[in-house]
C-alpha cells in the first residue's frame, strides 16, 4: 500500500456513518481483503509522518488531525 492509497482509505473510513463502523467492528468487513484495510493505512501514515521532514510531517499531521476529528466510531483514534 502506498501513502496516497492509505490516505484515501483513511479519508473514506472517517466519512462513513458510525453505524457502518460499528457493524464492521462487530461482524468484520469483507472488503478489507480486496480494497485495503483503513486501520493499516492509518498506521502506515503514522509511520510516514515520523519519517518525513518536519515541514512535510507538519502538513500531513494537519490533514490527519482534520480527518481524525471527524472520526468517532470504533477503531478510530477517538473511538
N, C-alpha and C. Protein backbone atom coordinates (compact mmCIF):
# COMPACT_ATOMS: atom_id res chain seq x y z
N UNK A 1 0.86 -1.17 0.00
CA UNK A 1 0.00 0.00 0.00
C UNK A 1 0.90 1.23 0.00
N UNK A 2 0.57 2.18 -0.85
CA UNK A 2 1.34 3.42 -0.88
C UNK A 2 0.66 4.49 -0.03
N UNK A 3 1.34 5.60 0.16
CA UNK A 3 0.84 6.65 1.03
C UNK A 3 -0.46 7.25 0.50
N UNK A 4 -0.55 7.45 -0.80
CA UNK A 4 -1.77 8.00 -1.38
C UNK A 4 -2.97 7.09 -1.15
N UNK A 5 -2.76 5.80 -1.33
CA UNK A 5 -3.85 4.85 -1.10
C UNK A 5 -4.23 4.82 0.37
N UNK A 6 -3.24 4.88 1.26
CA UNK A 6 -3.52 4.87 2.69
C UNK A 6 -4.33 6.10 3.09
N UNK A 7 -3.97 7.25 2.54
CA UNK A 7 -4.70 8.48 2.85
C UNK A 7 -6.14 8.41 2.33
N UNK A 8 -6.31 7.87 1.15
CA UNK A 8 -7.65 7.72 0.57
C UNK A 8 -8.50 6.76 1.41
N UNK A 9 -7.91 5.64 1.82
CA UNK A 9 -8.64 4.69 2.66
C UNK A 9 -9.07 5.33 3.97
N UNK A 10 -8.16 6.07 4.60
CA UNK A 10 -8.49 6.69 5.89
C UNK A 10 -9.56 7.76 5.72
N UNK A 11 -9.45 8.54 4.65
CA UNK A 11 -10.45 9.58 4.38
C UNK A 11 -11.83 8.95 4.20
N UNK A 12 -11.90 7.86 3.44
CA UNK A 12 -13.18 7.18 3.25
C UNK A 12 -13.69 6.58 4.56
N UNK A 13 -12.78 6.07 5.37
CA UNK A 13 -13.16 5.46 6.65
C UNK A 13 -13.81 6.48 7.58
N UNK A 14 -13.21 7.64 7.73
CA UNK A 14 -13.73 8.61 8.69
C UNK A 14 -15.02 9.26 8.24
N UNK A 15 -15.33 9.17 6.95
CA UNK A 15 -16.57 9.75 6.46
C UNK A 15 -17.72 8.75 6.38
N UNK A 16 -17.48 7.51 6.81
CA UNK A 16 -18.55 6.52 6.82
C UNK A 16 -19.45 6.75 8.03
N UNK A 17 -20.73 6.41 7.90
CA UNK A 17 -21.63 6.54 9.05
C UNK A 17 -21.18 5.66 10.21
N UNK A 18 -21.42 6.14 11.41
CA UNK A 18 -20.98 5.41 12.60
C UNK A 18 -21.58 4.01 12.68
N UNK A 19 -22.82 3.84 12.23
CA UNK A 19 -23.44 2.52 12.29
C UNK A 19 -22.69 1.51 11.43
N UNK A 20 -22.12 1.97 10.29
CA UNK A 20 -21.34 1.07 9.45
C UNK A 20 -20.03 0.70 10.13
N UNK A 21 -19.43 1.64 10.83
CA UNK A 21 -18.19 1.35 11.54
C UNK A 21 -18.43 0.34 12.65
N UNK A 22 -19.54 0.49 13.36
CA UNK A 22 -19.88 -0.47 14.41
C UNK A 22 -20.14 -1.84 13.82
N UNK A 23 -20.82 -1.89 12.68
CA UNK A 23 -21.09 -3.18 12.03
C UNK A 23 -19.78 -3.86 11.66
N UNK A 24 -18.86 -3.11 11.07
CA UNK A 24 -17.57 -3.68 10.70
C UNK A 24 -16.81 -4.16 11.92
N UNK A 25 -16.90 -3.41 13.02
CA UNK A 25 -16.20 -3.78 14.24
C UNK A 25 -16.76 -5.08 14.81
N UNK A 26 -18.07 -5.26 14.75
CA UNK A 26 -18.70 -6.45 15.32
C UNK A 26 -18.65 -7.66 14.40
N UNK A 27 -18.85 -7.44 13.10
CA UNK A 27 -19.01 -8.57 12.18
C UNK A 27 -17.90 -8.68 11.14
N UNK A 28 -17.02 -7.73 11.10
CA UNK A 28 -15.95 -7.74 10.12
C UNK A 28 -16.37 -7.06 8.83
N UNK A 29 -15.41 -6.85 7.97
CA UNK A 29 -15.64 -6.18 6.70
C UNK A 29 -14.93 -6.98 5.62
N UNK A 30 -15.69 -7.61 4.74
CA UNK A 30 -15.10 -8.46 3.71
C UNK A 30 -14.30 -7.65 2.69
N UNK A 31 -14.53 -6.35 2.60
CA UNK A 31 -13.82 -5.52 1.64
C UNK A 31 -12.38 -5.24 2.06
N UNK A 32 -12.02 -5.57 3.30
CA UNK A 32 -10.65 -5.35 3.75
C UNK A 32 -9.66 -6.13 2.91
N UNK A 33 -10.09 -7.29 2.43
CA UNK A 33 -9.18 -8.17 1.69
C UNK A 33 -8.93 -7.69 0.26
N UNK A 34 -9.93 -7.08 -0.35
CA UNK A 34 -9.76 -6.64 -1.74
C UNK A 34 -9.44 -5.16 -1.86
N UNK A 35 -9.95 -4.36 -0.96
CA UNK A 35 -9.84 -2.90 -1.10
C UNK A 35 -8.82 -2.27 -0.16
N UNK A 36 -8.35 -3.00 0.80
CA UNK A 36 -7.38 -2.46 1.75
C UNK A 36 -8.00 -2.18 3.11
N UNK A 37 -7.18 -2.26 4.12
CA UNK A 37 -7.60 -2.05 5.50
C UNK A 37 -7.30 -0.60 5.89
N UNK A 38 -8.33 0.14 6.20
CA UNK A 38 -8.14 1.56 6.53
C UNK A 38 -7.33 1.73 7.82
N UNK A 39 -7.46 0.81 8.76
CA UNK A 39 -6.70 0.93 10.01
C UNK A 39 -5.22 0.68 9.77
N UNK A 40 -4.89 -0.26 8.86
CA UNK A 40 -3.49 -0.46 8.49
C UNK A 40 -2.97 0.76 7.75
N UNK A 41 -3.83 1.36 6.93
CA UNK A 41 -3.45 2.58 6.23
C UNK A 41 -3.14 3.71 7.20
N UNK A 42 -3.94 3.81 8.25
CA UNK A 42 -3.71 4.85 9.28
C UNK A 42 -2.39 4.61 9.99
N UNK A 43 -2.09 3.35 10.27
CA UNK A 43 -0.82 3.03 10.92
C UNK A 43 0.35 3.37 10.00
N UNK A 44 0.20 3.12 8.70
CA UNK A 44 1.24 3.47 7.75
C UNK A 44 1.46 4.98 7.75
N UNK A 45 0.38 5.73 7.75
CA UNK A 45 0.51 7.20 7.76
C UNK A 45 1.20 7.70 9.01
N UNK A 46 0.97 7.06 10.15
CA UNK A 46 1.69 7.43 11.37
C UNK A 46 3.19 7.25 11.19
N UNK A 47 3.58 6.12 10.59
CA UNK A 47 4.99 5.87 10.35
C UNK A 47 5.59 6.85 9.35
N UNK A 48 4.83 7.18 8.33
CA UNK A 48 5.30 8.13 7.32
C UNK A 48 5.55 9.49 7.96
N UNK A 49 4.64 9.92 8.84
CA UNK A 49 4.82 11.22 9.50
C UNK A 49 6.10 11.25 10.33
N UNK A 50 6.48 10.11 10.90
CA UNK A 50 7.72 10.05 11.69
C UNK A 50 8.95 10.15 10.80
N UNK A 51 8.84 9.64 9.56
CA UNK A 51 10.00 9.59 8.68
C UNK A 51 10.17 10.85 7.82
N UNK A 52 9.14 11.66 7.73
CA UNK A 52 9.18 12.84 6.86
C UNK A 52 9.98 13.98 7.48
N UNK A 53 10.28 14.96 6.63
CA UNK A 53 10.89 16.19 7.14
C UNK A 53 9.89 16.87 8.08
N UNK A 54 10.38 17.77 8.90
CA UNK A 54 9.48 18.44 9.86
C UNK A 54 8.37 19.20 9.15
N UNK A 55 8.70 19.89 8.08
CA UNK A 55 7.69 20.66 7.36
C UNK A 55 6.64 19.75 6.72
N UNK A 56 7.10 18.71 6.03
CA UNK A 56 6.18 17.77 5.39
C UNK A 56 5.32 17.05 6.42
N UNK A 57 5.93 16.64 7.52
CA UNK A 57 5.18 15.95 8.58
C UNK A 57 4.14 16.88 9.18
N UNK A 58 4.48 18.15 9.35
CA UNK A 58 3.53 19.11 9.91
C UNK A 58 2.31 19.26 8.99
N UNK A 59 2.55 19.32 7.69
CA UNK A 59 1.46 19.44 6.73
C UNK A 59 0.57 18.20 6.74
N UNK A 60 1.18 17.03 6.73
CA UNK A 60 0.40 15.79 6.76
C UNK A 60 -0.31 15.64 8.10
N UNK A 61 0.35 16.01 9.19
CA UNK A 61 -0.28 15.92 10.51
C UNK A 61 -1.54 16.79 10.58
N UNK A 62 -1.51 17.95 9.96
CA UNK A 62 -2.69 18.83 9.93
C UNK A 62 -3.83 18.16 9.17
N UNK A 63 -3.54 17.55 8.05
CA UNK A 63 -4.56 16.84 7.28
C UNK A 63 -5.13 15.70 8.12
N UNK A 64 -4.26 14.96 8.78
CA UNK A 64 -4.71 13.82 9.59
C UNK A 64 -5.52 14.28 10.79
N UNK A 65 -5.14 15.38 11.41
CA UNK A 65 -5.91 15.90 12.55
C UNK A 65 -7.31 16.30 12.11
N UNK A 66 -7.41 16.91 10.94
CA UNK A 66 -8.73 17.28 10.41
C UNK A 66 -9.58 16.04 10.16
N UNK A 67 -8.98 15.01 9.56
CA UNK A 67 -9.72 13.78 9.31
C UNK A 67 -10.07 13.06 10.61
N UNK A 68 -9.12 12.98 11.52
CA UNK A 68 -9.36 12.28 12.79
C UNK A 68 -10.45 12.96 13.61
N UNK A 69 -10.58 14.25 13.47
CA UNK A 69 -11.59 14.95 14.26
C UNK A 69 -13.01 14.58 13.81
N UNK A 70 -13.15 14.05 12.60
CA UNK A 70 -14.46 13.63 12.12
C UNK A 70 -14.78 12.19 12.49
N UNK A 71 -13.80 11.44 12.94
CA UNK A 71 -13.97 10.00 13.21
C UNK A 71 -14.28 9.79 14.69
N UNK A 72 -15.43 9.18 14.94
CA UNK A 72 -15.76 8.90 16.34
C UNK A 72 -16.23 7.46 16.52
N UNK A 73 -16.10 6.64 15.49
CA UNK A 73 -16.57 5.26 15.56
C UNK A 73 -15.53 4.32 16.15
N UNK A 74 -15.86 3.04 16.24
CA UNK A 74 -14.94 2.06 16.81
C UNK A 74 -13.69 1.92 15.94
N UNK A 75 -12.56 1.77 16.56
CA UNK A 75 -11.33 1.59 15.85
C UNK A 75 -10.67 2.88 15.44
N UNK A 76 -11.38 3.98 15.55
CA UNK A 76 -10.80 5.28 15.19
C UNK A 76 -10.01 5.84 16.35
N UNK A 77 -9.22 6.86 16.09
CA UNK A 77 -8.39 7.43 17.13
C UNK A 77 -9.19 7.93 18.34
N UNK A 78 -10.44 8.32 18.12
CA UNK A 78 -11.23 8.82 19.25
C UNK A 78 -12.30 7.82 19.66
N UNK A 79 -12.31 6.62 19.08
CA UNK A 79 -13.39 5.67 19.34
C UNK A 79 -13.02 4.48 20.06
